[in-house]
Amino acid sequence: MTLPGGQKSKSFRTKREASAFLAEVEGSLNRGTYVNPHAGRTRVGDFTQQWLATRAVEGANQPGRRGEAAA
């Protein structure tokens, strides 16, 4: 089942299991080590298009863009 925001639901047998899972995910988010389990399903072409869309091209129309010093 998909929840709003693209989140997936997960079922647990007990509230204790659910609380332990939540604590683990929140801890990894706080440490900056969380890895989306679905991240590996993105195709390289799709990822590249998304990545390129976020890149700022600095100085593309300015002198020195190929490594030459600007005069």
N, C-alpha and C. Protein backbone atom coordinates (compact mmCIF):
# COMPACT_ATOMS: atom_id res chain seq x y z
N MET A 1 0.84 -1.18 0.00
CA MET A 1 0.00 0.00 0.00
C MET A 1 0.89 1.24 0.00
N THR A 2 0.61 2.19 -0.88
CA THR A 2 1.38 3.42 -0.94
C THR A 2 0.63 4.52 -0.20
N LEU A 3 1.34 5.22 0.66
CA LEU A 3 0.77 6.31 1.42
C LEU A 3 1.08 7.63 0.73
N PRO A 4 0.40 8.73 1.10
CA PRO A 4 0.72 10.03 0.52
C PRO A 4 2.20 10.36 0.70
N GLY A 5 2.79 10.98 -0.31
CA GLY A 5 4.21 11.31 -0.24
C GLY A 5 5.09 10.18 -0.72
N GLY A 6 4.50 9.12 -1.26
CA GLY A 6 5.27 8.02 -1.79
C GLY A 6 5.78 7.05 -0.75
N GLN A 7 5.35 7.20 0.50
CA GLN A 7 5.80 6.30 1.55
C GLN A 7 5.10 4.96 1.41
N LYS A 8 5.79 3.93 1.79
CA LYS A 8 5.23 2.59 1.77
C LYS A 8 4.82 2.19 3.17
N SER A 9 3.77 1.40 3.27
CA SER A 9 3.38 0.92 4.59
C SER A 9 4.14 -0.37 4.89
N LYS A 10 4.31 -0.64 6.14
CA LYS A 10 5.01 -1.84 6.58
C LYS A 10 4.24 -2.38 7.77
N SER A 11 4.05 -3.67 7.80
CA SER A 11 3.29 -4.30 8.88
C SER A 11 4.24 -5.00 9.85
N PHE A 12 3.85 -4.98 11.12
CA PHE A 12 4.62 -5.64 12.16
C PHE A 12 3.68 -6.49 12.99
N ARG A 13 4.21 -7.55 13.54
CA ARG A 13 3.39 -8.43 14.37
C ARG A 13 3.07 -7.79 15.71
N THR A 14 4.02 -7.02 16.24
CA THR A 14 3.80 -6.41 17.55
C THR A 14 4.16 -4.92 17.51
N LYS A 15 3.63 -4.20 18.48
CA LYS A 15 3.96 -2.78 18.60
C LYS A 15 5.44 -2.61 18.94
N ARG A 16 5.98 -3.55 19.69
CA ARG A 16 7.40 -3.50 20.07
C ARG A 16 8.29 -3.58 18.82
N GLU A 17 7.96 -4.47 17.89
CA GLU A 17 8.72 -4.57 16.64
C GLU A 17 8.62 -3.27 15.84
N ALA A 18 7.43 -2.70 15.80
CA ALA A 18 7.23 -1.46 15.06
C ALA A 18 8.04 -0.32 15.69
N SER A 19 8.02 -0.24 17.00
CA SER A 19 8.78 0.81 17.70
C SER A 19 10.28 0.65 17.49
N ALA A 20 10.76 -0.59 17.50
CA ALA A 20 12.19 -0.84 17.28
C ALA A 20 12.59 -0.44 15.87
N PHE A 21 11.76 -0.75 14.89
CA PHE A 21 12.04 -0.38 13.50
C PHE A 21 12.07 1.14 13.37
N LEU A 22 11.08 1.81 13.95
CA LEU A 22 11.02 3.26 13.89
C LEU A 22 12.26 3.89 14.52
N ALA A 23 12.67 3.39 15.66
CA ALA A 23 13.86 3.91 16.33
C ALA A 23 15.10 3.73 15.46
N GLU A 24 15.21 2.60 14.79
CA GLU A 24 16.36 2.34 13.92
C GLU A 24 16.39 3.30 12.74
N VAL A 25 15.23 3.50 12.10
CA VAL A 25 15.16 4.40 10.95
C VAL A 25 15.43 5.84 11.37
N GLU A 26 14.82 6.28 12.47
CA GLU A 26 15.05 7.64 12.94
C GLU A 26 16.51 7.86 13.33
N GLY A 27 17.12 6.85 13.95
CA GLY A 27 18.54 6.96 14.30
C GLY A 27 19.42 7.11 13.08
N SER A 28 19.16 6.32 12.05
CA SER A 28 19.98 6.42 10.85
C SER A 28 19.74 7.74 10.12
N LEU A 29 18.51 8.26 10.19
CA LEU A 29 18.24 9.58 9.60
C LEU A 29 19.03 10.65 10.34
N ASN A 30 19.04 10.59 11.66
CA ASN A 30 19.76 11.57 12.48
C ASN A 30 21.26 11.51 12.27
N ARG A 31 21.80 10.31 12.04
CA ARG A 31 23.24 10.14 11.81
C ARG A 31 23.63 10.46 10.37
N GLY A 32 22.61 10.56 9.50
CA GLY A 32 22.90 10.81 8.08
C GLY A 32 23.33 9.57 7.34
N THR A 33 22.99 8.39 7.87
CA THR A 33 23.40 7.14 7.23
C THR A 33 22.23 6.38 6.61
N TYR A 34 21.05 6.98 6.58
CA TYR A 34 19.88 6.30 6.05
C TYR A 34 20.03 6.10 4.55
N VAL A 35 19.72 4.91 4.09
CA VAL A 35 19.75 4.60 2.66
C VAL A 35 18.35 4.13 2.28
N ASN A 36 17.76 4.82 1.33
CA ASN A 36 16.43 4.45 0.86
C ASN A 36 16.50 3.06 0.25
N PRO A 37 15.69 2.12 0.73
CA PRO A 37 15.76 0.76 0.20
C PRO A 37 15.35 0.65 -1.27
N HIS A 38 14.69 1.67 -1.78
CA HIS A 38 14.26 1.65 -3.18
C HIS A 38 15.18 2.47 -4.08
N ALA A 39 16.23 3.03 -3.52
CA ALA A 39 17.14 3.89 -4.29
C ALA A 39 17.81 3.12 -5.42
N GLY A 40 18.09 1.86 -5.24
CA GLY A 40 18.75 1.05 -6.26
C GLY A 40 17.87 0.69 -7.44
N ARG A 41 16.63 1.07 -7.39
CA ARG A 41 15.71 0.75 -8.48
C ARG A 41 15.63 1.84 -9.53
N THR A 42 16.36 2.94 -9.33
CA THR A 42 16.36 4.03 -10.29
C THR A 42 17.29 3.67 -11.44
N ARG A 43 16.81 3.84 -12.64
CA ARG A 43 17.63 3.56 -13.83
C ARG A 43 18.68 4.66 -13.98
N VAL A 44 19.82 4.30 -14.53
CA VAL A 44 20.94 5.23 -14.67
C VAL A 44 20.52 6.43 -15.51
N GLY A 45 19.83 6.21 -16.58
CA GLY A 45 19.39 7.32 -17.44
C GLY A 45 18.47 8.28 -16.71
N ASP A 46 17.53 7.74 -15.93
CA ASP A 46 16.62 8.58 -15.16
C ASP A 46 17.38 9.37 -14.10
N PHE A 47 18.31 8.68 -13.41
CA PHE A 47 19.11 9.35 -12.40
C PHE A 47 19.94 10.47 -13.02
N THR A 48 20.53 10.21 -14.18
CA THR A 48 21.38 11.21 -14.84
C THR A 48 20.57 12.44 -15.21
N GLN A 49 19.37 12.24 -15.73
CA GLN A 49 18.51 13.38 -16.08
C GLN A 49 18.16 14.20 -14.85
N GLN A 50 17.83 13.54 -13.75
CA GLN A 50 17.52 14.24 -12.51
C GLN A 50 18.74 15.00 -12.00
N TRP A 51 19.90 14.35 -12.05
CA TRP A 51 21.13 14.96 -11.56
C TRP A 51 21.50 16.18 -12.40
N LEU A 52 21.43 16.05 -13.72
CA LEU A 52 21.77 17.16 -14.60
C LEU A 52 20.82 18.33 -14.40
N ALA A 53 19.56 18.06 -14.11
CA ALA A 53 18.58 19.13 -13.90
C ALA A 53 18.91 19.95 -12.65
N THR A 54 19.64 19.37 -11.71
CA THR A 54 19.96 20.10 -10.48
C THR A 54 21.31 20.80 -10.55
N ARG A 55 22.06 20.56 -11.61
CA ARG A 55 23.39 21.14 -11.73
C ARG A 55 23.30 22.58 -12.21
N ALA A 56 24.06 23.46 -11.61
CA ALA A 56 24.15 24.85 -12.05
C ALA A 56 25.39 24.95 -12.93
N VAL A 57 25.21 25.41 -14.13
CA VAL A 57 26.34 25.57 -15.04
C VAL A 57 26.88 26.97 -14.85
N GLU A 58 28.03 27.05 -14.22
CA GLU A 58 28.64 28.34 -13.92
C GLU A 58 29.59 28.74 -15.03
N GLY A 59 29.41 29.92 -15.54
CA GLY A 59 30.34 30.47 -16.51
C GLY A 59 30.32 29.78 -17.86
N ALA A 60 29.22 29.17 -18.25
CA ALA A 60 29.16 28.46 -19.53
C ALA A 60 29.34 29.41 -20.70
N ASN A 61 28.95 30.66 -20.55
CA ASN A 61 29.08 31.62 -21.64
C ASN A 61 30.13 32.68 -21.35
N GLN A 62 31.04 32.37 -20.45
CA GLN A 62 32.05 33.34 -20.07
C GLN A 62 33.42 32.87 -20.56
N PRO A 63 34.34 33.82 -20.80
CA PRO A 63 35.69 33.44 -21.19
C PRO A 63 36.35 32.60 -20.10
N GLY A 64 37.22 31.72 -20.52
CA GLY A 64 37.96 30.92 -19.56
C GLY A 64 37.22 29.65 -19.14
N ARG A 65 36.16 29.30 -19.80
CA ARG A 65 35.39 28.14 -19.39
C ARG A 65 36.10 26.81 -19.67
N ARG A 66 37.11 26.83 -20.54
CA ARG A 66 37.85 25.60 -20.84
C ARG A 66 39.16 25.55 -20.08
N GLY A 67 39.25 26.27 -19.02
CA GLY A 67 40.45 26.24 -18.22
C GLY A 67 41.40 27.40 -18.49
N GLU A 68 41.09 28.20 -19.56
CA GLU A 68 41.94 29.33 -19.82
C GLU A 68 41.61 30.44 -18.82
N ALA A 69 42.58 31.20 -18.46
CA ALA A 69 42.36 32.33 -17.55
C ALA A 69 41.61 33.42 -18.28
N ALA A 70 40.63 34.00 -17.63
CA ALA A 70 39.89 35.10 -18.23
C ALA A 70 40.79 36.34 -18.27
N ALA A 71 40.71 37.07 -19.37
CA ALA A 71 41.56 38.26 -19.53
C ALA A 71 41.03 39.43 -18.76
